[in-house]
N, C-alpha and C. Protein backbone atom coordinates (compact mmCIF):
# COMPACT_ATOMS: atom_id res chain seq x y z
N MET A 1 20.49 37.05 -1.04
CA MET A 1 20.73 36.78 -0.26
C MET A 1 21.46 34.75 -1.04
N ARG A 2 22.61 34.50 -0.90
CA ARG A 2 22.77 33.43 -1.45
C ARG A 2 22.48 32.27 -0.08
N VAL A 3 21.96 30.75 -0.31
CA VAL A 3 22.05 30.46 0.35
C VAL A 3 22.27 28.41 -0.10
N VAL A 4 23.04 28.48 0.94
CA VAL A 4 23.04 26.78 0.84
C VAL A 4 22.08 25.92 2.11
N ILE A 5 21.72 24.96 0.99
CA ILE A 5 21.23 23.56 1.51
C ILE A 5 21.40 22.62 2.07
N ALA A 6 21.15 22.08 3.37
CA ALA A 6 21.84 20.51 3.08
C ALA A 6 20.90 20.30 3.88
N ASP A 7 20.02 18.98 3.26
CA ASP A 7 18.86 18.01 4.09
C ASP A 7 19.37 16.50 3.10
N ASP A 8 19.22 15.79 4.11
CA ASP A 8 18.82 14.42 3.19
C ASP A 8 17.58 13.70 2.31
N SER A 9 16.44 14.42 2.74
CA SER A 9 15.26 14.62 2.34
C SER A 9 15.04 15.36 1.11
N VAL A 10 15.37 14.23 0.17
CA VAL A 10 14.84 14.96 -1.62
C VAL A 10 13.96 16.32 -1.38
N LEU A 11 13.02 15.43 -1.29
CA LEU A 11 11.00 16.12 -0.81
C LEU A 11 11.60 17.34 -0.61
N LEU A 12 12.10 17.25 0.85
CA LEU A 12 12.06 19.12 1.41
C LEU A 12 12.87 19.45 1.17
N ARG A 13 14.64 18.64 0.72
CA ARG A 13 15.52 20.02 0.33
C ARG A 13 14.76 20.91 -1.01
N GLU A 14 14.01 20.24 -2.08
CA GLU A 14 14.15 20.93 -3.00
C GLU A 14 12.90 21.75 -2.88
N GLY A 15 11.41 21.24 -2.04
CA GLY A 15 10.95 22.18 -1.31
C GLY A 15 11.66 23.22 -1.02
N LEU A 16 12.56 23.67 0.07
CA LEU A 16 12.65 24.22 0.95
C LEU A 16 14.24 25.17 -0.27
N VAL A 17 14.37 24.82 -1.43
CA VAL A 17 15.22 25.24 -2.96
C VAL A 17 14.09 26.08 -3.66
N ARG A 18 13.16 25.65 -3.80
CA ARG A 18 12.03 26.54 -4.35
C ARG A 18 11.33 27.84 -3.58
N LEU A 19 10.71 27.30 -2.49
CA LEU A 19 11.10 28.61 -1.20
C LEU A 19 12.14 29.41 -1.41
N VAL A 20 12.96 29.50 -1.10
CA VAL A 20 14.00 30.27 -0.46
C VAL A 20 14.13 30.92 -2.65
N GLU A 21 14.08 30.36 -3.44
CA GLU A 21 14.65 31.14 -4.96
C GLU A 21 13.22 31.54 -5.07
N GLU A 22 11.93 31.27 -4.78
CA GLU A 22 10.61 32.61 -4.97
C GLU A 22 10.38 33.49 -4.07
N GLU A 23 11.77 33.69 -3.53
CA GLU A 23 11.26 34.50 -2.50
C GLU A 23 12.94 35.42 -3.14
N GLY A 24 13.33 35.71 -4.20
CA GLY A 24 14.73 36.18 -4.65
C GLY A 24 15.55 35.72 -4.26
N SER A 25 16.13 35.12 -3.08
CA SER A 25 17.29 34.74 -3.11
C SER A 25 17.60 33.75 -3.90
N GLU A 26 18.91 33.06 -4.13
CA GLU A 26 19.52 31.81 -4.66
C GLU A 26 20.37 30.71 -3.91
N VAL A 27 19.78 29.79 -4.75
CA VAL A 27 20.28 29.08 -3.96
C VAL A 27 22.10 28.44 -4.71
N VAL A 28 22.22 28.23 -3.81
CA VAL A 28 24.08 27.85 -4.49
C VAL A 28 24.69 26.68 -4.78
N ALA A 29 23.71 26.29 -3.03
CA ALA A 29 23.73 24.63 -3.46
C ALA A 29 22.75 24.13 -2.93
N ALA A 30 22.43 22.72 -2.90
CA ALA A 30 21.87 21.73 -2.90
C ALA A 30 22.32 20.83 -2.04
N VAL A 31 22.60 20.00 -0.84
CA VAL A 31 23.04 18.84 -0.63
C VAL A 31 22.36 17.29 0.01
N GLY A 32 22.78 17.02 0.77
CA GLY A 32 22.15 15.84 1.22
C GLY A 32 23.06 15.17 2.31
N ASP A 33 24.29 15.34 2.43
CA ASP A 33 24.75 15.09 3.70
C ASP A 33 26.17 16.02 4.54
N GLY A 34 26.67 15.94 5.61
CA GLY A 34 27.43 16.80 6.07
C GLY A 34 28.59 17.85 5.60
N PRO A 35 29.30 16.37 4.87
CA PRO A 35 31.10 16.74 4.44
C PRO A 35 30.63 17.52 3.35
N SER A 36 29.71 17.32 2.63
CA SER A 36 28.91 18.01 0.91
C SER A 36 28.76 19.47 1.55
N LEU A 37 28.07 19.88 2.64
CA LEU A 37 27.75 21.02 3.26
C LEU A 37 28.96 21.96 3.44
N VAL A 38 29.94 20.76 3.99
CA VAL A 38 31.01 22.26 3.87
C VAL A 38 31.98 22.14 3.21
N ARG A 39 32.19 21.31 2.17
CA ARG A 39 32.89 21.95 0.58
C ARG A 39 32.10 22.90 0.29
N ALA A 40 30.38 22.90 -0.16
CA ALA A 40 29.97 23.48 -0.10
C ALA A 40 30.34 24.92 0.22
N VAL A 41 30.11 25.23 1.39
CA VAL A 41 30.40 26.36 2.42
C VAL A 41 31.72 27.05 2.29
N ALA A 42 32.45 26.00 1.94
CA ALA A 42 33.76 26.74 1.92
C ALA A 42 33.84 26.85 0.10
N GLU A 43 33.22 26.63 -0.56
CA GLU A 43 33.37 26.76 -2.80
C GLU A 43 32.54 27.94 -2.49
N HIS A 44 31.68 27.91 -1.41
CA HIS A 44 30.83 29.35 -2.04
C HIS A 44 30.95 30.44 -1.58
N ARG A 45 30.81 30.21 -0.11
CA ARG A 45 31.26 31.23 1.10
C ARG A 45 29.20 31.82 0.73
N PRO A 46 28.51 31.41 1.17
CA PRO A 46 27.25 31.64 1.20
C PRO A 46 26.26 32.26 2.62
N ASP A 47 25.37 33.22 2.15
CA ASP A 47 24.73 34.25 2.86
C ASP A 47 24.34 33.54 4.45
N VAL A 48 24.09 32.24 4.05
CA VAL A 48 22.84 31.77 5.44
C VAL A 48 23.19 30.56 4.63
N ALA A 49 23.18 28.86 5.33
CA ALA A 49 23.30 27.75 5.39
C ALA A 49 22.81 27.55 6.19
N VAL A 50 21.31 26.36 5.89
CA VAL A 50 19.98 26.06 6.27
C VAL A 50 20.81 24.73 6.71
N VAL A 51 20.58 24.10 7.72
CA VAL A 51 21.29 22.60 7.91
C VAL A 51 19.87 21.64 8.28
N ASP A 52 20.04 20.46 8.19
CA ASP A 52 19.33 19.37 9.07
C ASP A 52 20.11 18.60 9.88
N VAL A 53 19.21 18.22 11.35
CA VAL A 53 20.45 18.16 12.63
C VAL A 53 21.29 16.90 11.38
N ARG A 54 20.09 15.96 11.67
CA ARG A 54 20.05 14.71 11.47
C ARG A 54 20.48 13.96 10.09
N MET A 55 21.65 13.56 9.81
CA MET A 55 22.27 13.65 8.51
C MET A 55 22.88 12.04 8.36
N PRO A 56 22.98 11.66 6.75
CA PRO A 56 23.65 10.05 6.71
C PRO A 56 25.07 9.68 7.68
N PRO A 57 25.72 8.89 8.21
CA PRO A 57 25.04 8.07 7.64
C PRO A 57 24.44 7.19 9.36
N THR A 58 24.86 8.17 10.26
CA THR A 58 24.33 7.64 11.95
C THR A 58 22.31 8.20 12.32
N HIS A 59 22.18 9.61 10.85
CA HIS A 59 21.00 10.49 11.61
C HIS A 59 21.49 10.47 12.55
N THR A 60 21.74 10.79 13.44
CA THR A 60 22.31 11.94 15.27
C THR A 60 22.50 12.80 14.84
N ASP A 61 23.34 13.42 15.09
CA ASP A 61 24.03 14.79 15.00
C ASP A 61 25.21 15.24 13.50
N GLU A 62 24.54 14.29 12.14
CA GLU A 62 26.18 14.93 11.51
C GLU A 62 25.78 16.40 10.93
N GLY A 63 24.56 16.73 10.96
CA GLY A 63 24.11 18.21 10.90
C GLY A 63 25.29 18.67 11.94
N LEU A 64 24.82 18.64 12.81
CA LEU A 64 25.16 19.96 13.34
C LEU A 64 26.43 19.80 13.69
N ARG A 65 27.59 18.54 13.73
CA ARG A 65 28.65 18.87 14.04
C ARG A 65 29.39 19.16 11.91
N ALA A 66 29.06 18.95 11.16
CA ALA A 66 28.93 19.63 10.22
C ALA A 66 28.74 21.35 9.66
N ALA A 67 27.79 21.28 10.63
CA ALA A 67 27.82 23.21 10.74
C ALA A 67 28.58 23.82 11.19
N VAL A 68 29.23 23.21 12.32
CA VAL A 68 30.43 24.00 13.33
C VAL A 68 31.80 23.62 13.07
N ALA A 69 31.58 22.55 11.92
CA ALA A 69 32.54 22.79 10.74
C ALA A 69 33.27 23.49 9.64
N ALA A 70 31.80 24.12 9.07
CA ALA A 70 31.02 25.26 8.07
C ALA A 70 32.14 26.08 8.50
N ARG A 71 31.18 26.41 10.12
CA ARG A 71 31.79 28.02 10.87
C ARG A 71 32.95 27.92 10.84
N ALA A 72 34.40 26.64 11.12
CA ALA A 72 34.90 26.93 11.48
C ALA A 72 36.37 27.41 10.04
N VAL A 73 35.33 26.31 9.15
CA VAL A 73 36.39 26.78 7.31
C VAL A 73 36.38 28.11 7.62
N VAL A 74 34.70 28.94 7.24
CA VAL A 74 34.41 30.50 7.30
C VAL A 74 33.85 31.03 7.96
N PRO A 75 34.79 31.21 8.68
CA PRO A 75 34.35 32.02 10.06
C PRO A 75 32.93 32.80 9.92
N GLY A 76 31.95 32.63 10.98
CA GLY A 76 30.76 33.99 10.38
C GLY A 76 29.55 33.12 9.66
N THR A 77 29.91 32.18 8.88
CA THR A 77 29.13 31.86 8.06
C THR A 77 27.18 31.46 9.38
N ALA A 78 26.75 32.05 8.77
CA ALA A 78 25.29 32.28 9.44
C ALA A 78 25.16 31.03 9.41
N VAL A 79 24.40 30.38 9.71
CA VAL A 79 22.97 28.92 10.43
C VAL A 79 22.18 28.68 10.90
N LEU A 80 20.94 28.91 9.63
CA LEU A 80 19.66 28.17 10.10
C LEU A 80 19.58 26.56 10.07
N VAL A 81 19.61 26.30 12.07
CA VAL A 81 19.66 24.66 11.63
C VAL A 81 17.79 24.26 11.91
N LEU A 82 17.57 23.05 10.57
CA LEU A 82 16.28 22.73 11.15
C LEU A 82 16.01 21.32 11.91
N SER A 83 15.03 21.34 12.53
CA SER A 83 15.31 19.78 13.95
C SER A 83 13.67 19.08 13.73
N GLN A 84 14.07 18.04 13.40
CA GLN A 84 12.02 17.48 14.23
C GLN A 84 12.13 17.14 15.61
N TYR A 85 12.72 17.55 15.93
CA TYR A 85 12.59 17.63 18.12
C TYR A 85 13.38 19.15 18.79
N VAL A 86 13.13 19.07 19.43
CA VAL A 86 13.63 20.10 20.63
C VAL A 86 15.01 19.22 21.28
N GLU A 87 16.47 19.63 20.96
CA GLU A 87 17.96 19.32 21.15
C GLU A 87 18.54 20.74 21.40
N VAL A 88 18.21 20.52 22.87
CA VAL A 88 18.41 22.90 23.22
C VAL A 88 20.42 22.08 23.26
N ALA A 89 21.34 21.48 22.90
CA ALA A 89 22.40 21.06 23.35
C ALA A 89 23.20 21.56 21.54
N TYR A 90 22.37 21.85 20.92
CA TYR A 90 22.43 21.30 19.36
C TYR A 90 22.79 23.00 19.35
N ALA A 91 21.75 24.11 19.52
CA ALA A 91 21.63 25.19 19.72
C ALA A 91 23.30 26.05 20.21
N ASP A 92 22.80 25.18 21.45
CA ASP A 92 24.57 25.55 22.64
C ASP A 92 25.76 25.92 21.65
N GLU A 93 25.72 24.19 21.24
CA GLU A 93 27.01 24.83 20.41
C GLU A 93 27.53 25.87 19.49
N LEU A 94 26.83 25.37 19.23
CA LEU A 94 26.85 26.90 17.46
C LEU A 94 27.01 27.69 18.11
N LEU A 95 26.13 28.40 19.18
CA LEU A 95 26.47 29.38 19.77
C LEU A 95 27.18 30.02 20.40
N ALA A 96 28.20 28.94 21.16
CA ALA A 96 29.77 28.73 21.92
C ALA A 96 30.15 30.15 21.14
N ASP A 97 30.39 30.23 19.93
CA ASP A 97 31.50 31.15 20.54
C ASP A 97 31.58 32.45 20.05
N GLY A 98 30.19 33.42 20.74
CA GLY A 98 29.48 34.03 20.57
C GLY A 98 29.19 34.94 19.25
N ARG A 99 29.27 34.33 18.18
CA ARG A 99 29.28 35.55 17.37
C ARG A 99 28.34 35.93 15.87
N GLY A 100 26.30 35.23 16.86
CA GLY A 100 25.64 34.81 16.22
C GLY A 100 25.55 34.36 14.91
N GLY A 101 24.51 35.19 14.35
CA GLY A 101 24.36 34.47 12.61
C GLY A 101 23.86 33.11 12.93
N VAL A 102 22.76 32.41 14.46
CA VAL A 102 22.78 30.85 14.39
C VAL A 102 20.93 31.27 14.70
N GLY A 103 20.25 29.91 13.74
CA GLY A 103 19.15 29.99 14.23
C GLY A 103 18.66 28.69 14.76
N TYR A 104 17.24 28.27 14.76
CA TYR A 104 16.44 27.13 15.64
C TYR A 104 15.79 26.71 15.62
N LEU A 105 15.28 26.43 14.21
CA LEU A 105 13.76 26.01 14.27
C LEU A 105 12.99 24.75 14.31
N LEU A 106 12.24 23.96 14.37
CA LEU A 106 11.51 22.58 14.17
C LEU A 106 11.19 22.79 13.10
N LYS A 107 11.18 21.23 12.19
CA LYS A 107 10.82 21.66 11.50
C LYS A 107 9.37 21.81 10.47
N ASP A 108 8.60 21.63 12.33
CA ASP A 108 6.83 22.13 11.56
C ASP A 108 6.57 23.71 11.32
N ARG A 109 7.68 24.66 11.40
CA ARG A 109 7.60 26.05 11.31
C ARG A 109 8.21 26.31 10.15
N VAL A 110 8.40 25.03 9.55
CA VAL A 110 8.82 25.27 7.72
C VAL A 110 7.45 25.46 7.27
N THR A 111 6.49 25.29 8.15
CA THR A 111 4.95 25.76 7.44
C THR A 111 4.39 26.68 7.20
N ASP A 112 5.10 27.69 8.31
CA ASP A 112 4.77 29.10 9.06
C ASP A 112 6.03 29.60 7.59
N LEU A 113 5.64 29.66 6.18
CA LEU A 113 6.64 30.62 5.48
C LEU A 113 7.07 32.42 5.97
N ASP A 114 6.15 32.86 6.57
CA ASP A 114 6.70 34.31 7.02
C ASP A 114 7.92 33.57 8.08
N ALA A 115 7.22 33.42 9.37
CA ALA A 115 8.11 32.41 10.07
C ALA A 115 9.76 32.23 9.69
N PHE A 116 9.59 31.14 8.96
CA PHE A 116 10.63 30.90 8.45
C PHE A 116 11.74 31.62 7.29
N LEU A 117 10.89 32.42 6.71
CA LEU A 117 11.59 33.69 5.72
C LEU A 117 12.22 34.50 6.50
N ALA A 118 11.35 35.05 7.99
CA ALA A 118 12.07 36.03 8.98
C ALA A 118 13.13 36.22 9.76
N ALA A 119 13.11 33.73 9.91
CA ALA A 119 14.06 34.05 10.52
C ALA A 119 15.83 33.69 9.87
N LEU A 120 14.92 33.30 8.48
CA LEU A 120 16.25 33.30 7.29
C LEU A 120 16.80 34.65 7.10
N THR A 121 16.56 35.37 7.13
CA THR A 121 16.75 36.89 7.13
C THR A 121 17.27 37.57 8.11
N GLY A 122 17.13 36.87 9.59
CA GLY A 122 17.49 37.54 10.70
C GLY A 122 18.52 36.76 10.57
N VAL A 123 18.75 35.32 10.34
CA VAL A 123 20.19 35.05 10.70
C VAL A 123 20.81 35.13 9.94
N ALA A 124 20.60 35.42 8.97
CA ALA A 124 21.94 35.79 7.70
C ALA A 124 22.36 36.90 8.20
N ALA A 125 21.60 37.32 8.94
CA ALA A 125 22.18 39.41 9.23
C ALA A 125 23.19 39.59 10.84
N GLY A 126 22.98 37.87 10.87
CA GLY A 126 24.31 38.80 12.39
C GLY A 126 23.50 37.84 12.94
N GLY A 127 21.81 37.86 13.58
CA GLY A 127 20.60 37.44 14.75
C GLY A 127 21.03 36.23 14.92
N THR A 128 20.21 35.88 15.61
CA THR A 128 19.69 35.02 16.96
C THR A 128 18.43 34.33 17.19
N VAL A 129 18.01 33.28 16.46
CA VAL A 129 16.59 33.69 16.50
C VAL A 129 16.61 31.56 16.71
N LEU A 130 15.55 31.60 18.29
CA LEU A 130 15.36 30.21 18.41
C LEU A 130 13.75 30.11 18.56
N ASP A 131 13.27 28.86 17.77
CA ASP A 131 11.93 28.36 17.57
C ASP A 131 11.37 28.51 19.68
N PRO A 132 9.98 28.63 19.58
CA PRO A 132 9.53 29.20 20.83
C PRO A 132 8.97 28.23 21.21
N GLN A 133 9.22 26.82 20.40
CA GLN A 133 9.15 25.30 21.20
C GLN A 133 10.94 25.52 22.89
N VAL A 134 11.31 25.42 21.86
CA VAL A 134 12.98 25.37 22.61
C VAL A 134 13.06 26.65 23.32
N VAL A 135 12.46 27.97 23.25
CA VAL A 135 12.76 28.81 24.30
C VAL A 135 11.94 28.10 25.62
N ALA A 136 9.94 27.29 25.44
CA ALA A 136 9.40 26.75 26.61
C ALA A 136 10.22 25.94 27.44
N GLN A 137 11.13 25.64 26.74
CA GLN A 137 11.34 24.00 27.28
C GLN A 137 12.71 24.34 28.17
N LEU A 138 13.34 25.29 27.86
CA LEU A 138 14.30 26.39 28.39
C LEU A 138 13.53 26.86 29.78
N PHE A 139 13.10 27.25 29.52
CA PHE A 139 12.45 28.48 31.19
C PHE A 139 11.78 26.64 32.11
N ALA A 140 11.65 25.52 31.54
CA ALA A 140 10.88 24.43 31.92
C ALA A 140 12.12 23.57 33.22
N ARG A 141 12.94 24.17 32.48
CA ARG A 141 14.35 23.59 33.10
C ARG A 141 15.40 24.05 33.68
N ARG A 142 14.84 25.14 34.66
CA ARG A 142 15.61 26.38 35.18
C ARG A 142 16.48 25.43 36.35
N ARG A 143 17.83 26.02 36.56
CA ARG A 143 17.85 25.54 37.88
C ARG A 143 17.88 26.37 38.99
N ALA A 144 18.30 25.61 39.97
CA ALA A 144 18.09 26.63 41.08
C ALA A 144 18.92 27.66 41.79
N ASP A 145 19.84 27.51 41.07
CA ASP A 145 20.94 28.75 40.63
C ASP A 145 21.44 29.52 39.45
N ASP A 146 20.42 29.33 38.75
CA ASP A 146 20.20 29.57 37.72
C ASP A 146 19.91 31.27 37.57
N PRO A 147 21.07 32.26 37.39
CA PRO A 147 20.69 33.68 37.40
C PRO A 147 19.73 33.91 36.56
N VAL A 148 19.11 33.16 35.38
CA VAL A 148 17.96 34.07 34.95
C VAL A 148 16.66 33.97 36.23
N ARG A 149 17.40 33.04 37.37
CA ARG A 149 16.11 33.71 38.19
C ARG A 149 15.71 35.19 39.34
N ARG A 150 16.85 35.36 38.71
CA ARG A 150 17.74 36.78 39.37
C ARG A 150 16.31 37.67 38.76
N LEU A 151 16.35 38.15 37.13
CA LEU A 151 15.15 38.81 36.78
C LEU A 151 13.35 38.96 37.29
N THR A 152 13.15 39.60 36.88
CA THR A 152 11.90 40.18 37.09
C THR A 152 11.14 39.23 36.01
N PRO A 153 9.57 38.58 35.95
CA PRO A 153 8.51 38.51 35.70
C PRO A 153 8.91 39.19 34.08
N ARG A 154 8.96 40.65 34.10
CA ARG A 154 8.51 41.66 32.75
C ARG A 154 10.20 41.07 32.20
N GLU A 155 11.49 40.78 32.41
CA GLU A 155 12.55 41.25 31.92
C GLU A 155 12.81 39.56 31.79
N ARG A 156 11.81 38.00 32.43
CA ARG A 156 12.19 36.77 31.87
C ARG A 156 11.54 37.05 30.62
N GLU A 157 9.74 37.98 30.00
CA GLU A 157 9.17 37.94 29.38
C GLU A 157 10.54 38.21 27.92
N VAL A 158 10.96 39.83 28.41
CA VAL A 158 11.85 40.41 27.53
C VAL A 158 13.49 39.55 26.74
N LEU A 159 14.03 38.64 27.77
CA LEU A 159 14.64 37.80 27.30
C LEU A 159 14.46 36.57 26.09
N GLU A 160 13.29 36.02 26.47
CA GLU A 160 12.53 35.32 25.62
C GLU A 160 11.88 35.76 24.59
N LEU A 161 11.63 36.85 24.74
CA LEU A 161 11.63 36.93 23.02
C LEU A 161 13.02 37.57 22.70
N LEU A 162 14.19 38.04 23.13
CA LEU A 162 15.44 38.14 22.06
C LEU A 162 16.30 36.74 21.89
N ALA A 163 15.80 36.20 22.94
CA ALA A 163 16.49 34.41 22.19
C ALA A 163 15.00 33.54 21.19
N GLU A 164 14.13 34.22 21.12
CA GLU A 164 13.33 34.34 19.52
C GLU A 164 13.64 34.84 18.67
N GLY A 165 14.22 35.69 18.49
CA GLY A 165 15.06 36.48 17.66
C GLY A 165 14.84 38.05 17.45
N ALA A 166 13.82 38.33 18.62
CA ALA A 166 13.44 39.66 18.36
C ALA A 166 14.09 40.94 18.41
N SER A 167 14.05 41.87 17.82
CA SER A 167 14.09 43.06 17.84
C SER A 167 13.21 43.98 18.88
N ASN A 168 14.19 45.12 19.07
CA ASN A 168 13.80 45.69 20.28
C ASN A 168 12.54 45.94 19.71
N ALA A 169 12.26 46.77 18.96
CA ALA A 169 10.84 47.77 18.30
C ALA A 169 9.67 46.38 18.21
N ALA A 170 9.96 44.99 18.14
CA ALA A 170 8.93 44.44 17.80
C ALA A 170 8.98 44.02 19.53
N ILE A 171 9.46 44.11 20.48
CA ILE A 171 9.51 43.34 21.63
C ILE A 171 8.40 44.39 22.39
N ALA A 172 8.77 45.85 22.07
CA ALA A 172 7.57 46.59 22.33
C ALA A 172 6.87 46.46 21.61
N ARG A 173 6.41 46.17 21.15
CA ARG A 173 4.80 45.95 20.20
C ARG A 173 4.45 44.43 21.07
N ARG A 174 5.26 43.43 20.52
CA ARG A 174 4.26 42.91 21.63
C ARG A 174 3.88 42.80 23.14
N LEU A 175 4.87 43.70 24.17
CA LEU A 175 4.54 43.85 25.51
C LEU A 175 3.56 45.56 25.53
N VAL A 176 3.49 45.45 24.31
CA VAL A 176 3.01 47.07 24.31
C VAL A 176 3.80 48.09 25.50
N VAL A 177 4.73 48.40 25.53
CA VAL A 177 5.49 49.45 25.93
C VAL A 177 6.68 50.11 25.13
N THR A 178 6.88 51.38 25.41
CA THR A 178 7.89 51.70 24.61
C THR A 178 9.00 51.46 24.50
N GLY A 179 9.91 51.76 22.96
CA GLY A 179 11.17 51.26 22.99
C GLY A 179 12.27 51.31 23.74
N GLY A 180 11.96 52.97 24.37
CA GLY A 180 13.03 53.20 25.88
C GLY A 180 12.92 52.23 27.00
N ALA A 181 11.66 52.19 27.44
CA ALA A 181 11.35 50.81 28.31
C ALA A 181 12.14 48.90 28.02
N VAL A 182 12.50 49.35 26.32
CA VAL A 182 12.55 47.23 26.10
C VAL A 182 14.08 47.51 26.69
N GLU A 183 14.69 48.58 25.82
CA GLU A 183 16.19 49.55 25.81
C GLU A 183 16.58 49.14 28.07
N LYS A 184 15.61 49.05 28.83
CA LYS A 184 16.61 49.37 29.51
C LYS A 184 16.02 48.09 30.67
N HIS A 185 15.24 47.12 30.36
CA HIS A 185 14.81 45.69 30.33
C HIS A 185 16.17 45.30 30.02
N THR A 186 16.54 45.47 28.83
CA THR A 186 18.00 44.72 28.08
C THR A 186 19.01 44.80 29.14
N GLN A 187 19.01 46.30 29.27
CA GLN A 187 20.41 46.71 30.48
C GLN A 187 20.48 45.86 31.31
N ARG A 188 19.38 45.57 32.18
CA ARG A 188 19.27 45.39 33.74
C ARG A 188 19.53 43.80 33.23
N ILE A 189 19.03 43.35 31.83
CA ILE A 189 19.11 41.87 32.25
C ILE A 189 20.76 41.31 32.11
N PHE A 190 21.46 42.12 31.44
CA PHE A 190 22.87 41.58 30.71
C PHE A 190 23.51 42.12 31.93
N ALA A 191 23.46 42.93 32.87
CA ALA A 191 23.74 43.23 34.41
C ALA A 191 23.83 41.99 35.04
N LYS A 192 22.21 41.18 34.93
CA LYS A 192 22.12 40.30 36.32
C LYS A 192 22.81 38.94 35.36
N LEU A 193 23.07 39.03 34.22
CA LEU A 193 23.45 37.80 33.60
C LEU A 193 25.08 37.83 34.13
N GLY A 194 25.80 39.59 34.25
CA GLY A 194 26.98 39.26 34.21
C GLY A 194 27.91 39.82 32.98
N LEU A 195 26.78 40.13 32.29
CA LEU A 195 27.21 40.36 30.17
C LEU A 195 27.72 42.04 30.67
N ALA A 196 29.19 42.33 30.53
CA ALA A 196 29.18 43.22 30.62
C ALA A 196 29.79 44.27 28.94
N PRO A 197 29.55 45.04 28.87
CA PRO A 197 29.64 45.77 27.34
C PRO A 197 31.40 44.79 26.61
N ASP A 198 31.53 44.49 25.57
CA ASP A 198 31.69 44.03 24.83
C ASP A 198 32.30 44.19 23.27
N GLU A 199 32.07 45.02 22.83
CA GLU A 199 32.57 45.26 21.05
C GLU A 199 32.17 44.23 20.87
N ASP A 200 33.68 43.32 20.90
CA ASP A 200 33.31 42.22 19.58
C ASP A 200 32.74 41.48 20.40
N ARG A 201 31.38 41.36 20.92
CA ARG A 201 30.47 40.28 20.97
C ARG A 201 29.16 40.90 21.21
N ASN A 202 28.48 40.24 20.72
CA ASN A 202 27.13 40.46 21.03
C ASN A 202 26.29 39.82 22.44
N SER A 203 25.49 41.28 22.55
CA SER A 203 25.51 40.91 24.14
C SER A 203 24.31 40.26 23.89
N ARG A 204 23.07 40.04 22.76
CA ARG A 204 21.76 38.90 23.01
C ARG A 204 22.15 38.01 22.60
N VAL A 205 23.64 38.12 22.34
CA VAL A 205 23.92 36.70 21.23
C VAL A 205 24.80 35.93 23.17
N LEU A 206 25.11 36.94 23.78
CA LEU A 206 25.29 36.51 24.83
C LEU A 206 24.44 35.82 26.19
N ALA A 207 23.52 36.87 26.00
CA ALA A 207 22.63 36.31 26.91
C ALA A 207 21.47 35.77 26.80
N THR A 208 21.64 34.83 25.06
CA THR A 208 20.79 33.54 24.86
C THR A 208 21.70 32.16 25.41
N LEU A 209 22.82 32.87 25.02
CA LEU A 209 24.25 31.23 25.61
C LEU A 209 23.68 31.55 26.98
N ALA A 210 24.15 32.09 27.80
CA ALA A 210 23.69 32.18 29.36
C ALA A 210 21.91 31.25 29.06
N TYR A 211 21.11 32.17 28.81
CA TYR A 211 20.27 31.17 29.05
C TYR A 211 20.49 29.70 28.59
N LEU A 212 20.95 29.65 27.44
CA LEU A 212 21.00 28.28 26.98
C LEU A 212 21.67 27.31 28.08
N ARG A 213 22.19 27.63 28.85
CA ARG A 213 23.52 27.11 29.78
C ARG A 213 23.12 27.14 30.84
N SER A 214 21.77 27.93 31.18
CA SER A 214 21.36 28.00 32.75
C SER A 214 20.36 26.66 33.48
């Protein structure tokens, strides 16, 4: 796996480089600002870019905007966003094209090496991975007309795990049900959210996007 890392903190950037390389992946570029990220993605076409949201000069959303720009320059570039805070709108914008290959983790999650590496691998493979704290905050702000309210408690549990990037097999293990039961739940979720089958778009990504926007 070829990786680009963008973070203005030298210590964190170098730590991520070491962590990724120790797991057998190749870091093809490590940069400290948004424009450098876009250039690195255009030059190296990595499997995934790990991007800090807040970078120079304003330390607001430069990393996010650079990640969106990088995906425009090299469509399909997988992006794993790291943030100090839960900022749902950022995940929404990256998911908007419906292609998947997007992750959003709080920086604290990097200390859980297994979780971080699993997220990195999942995003590189085209999956969608949201930090559990992001998912929890989403459930806390449901609108009255939110289509997610039409889901049963079990279907909401399944959607929550889908948003965290869990596979059907992983969901079955977590909920102690069969894989067939999980498949039935996901199909009902897609139907209730108005997501018709579409060969060109990932229903899991669309379900997560509907979840973010509700």
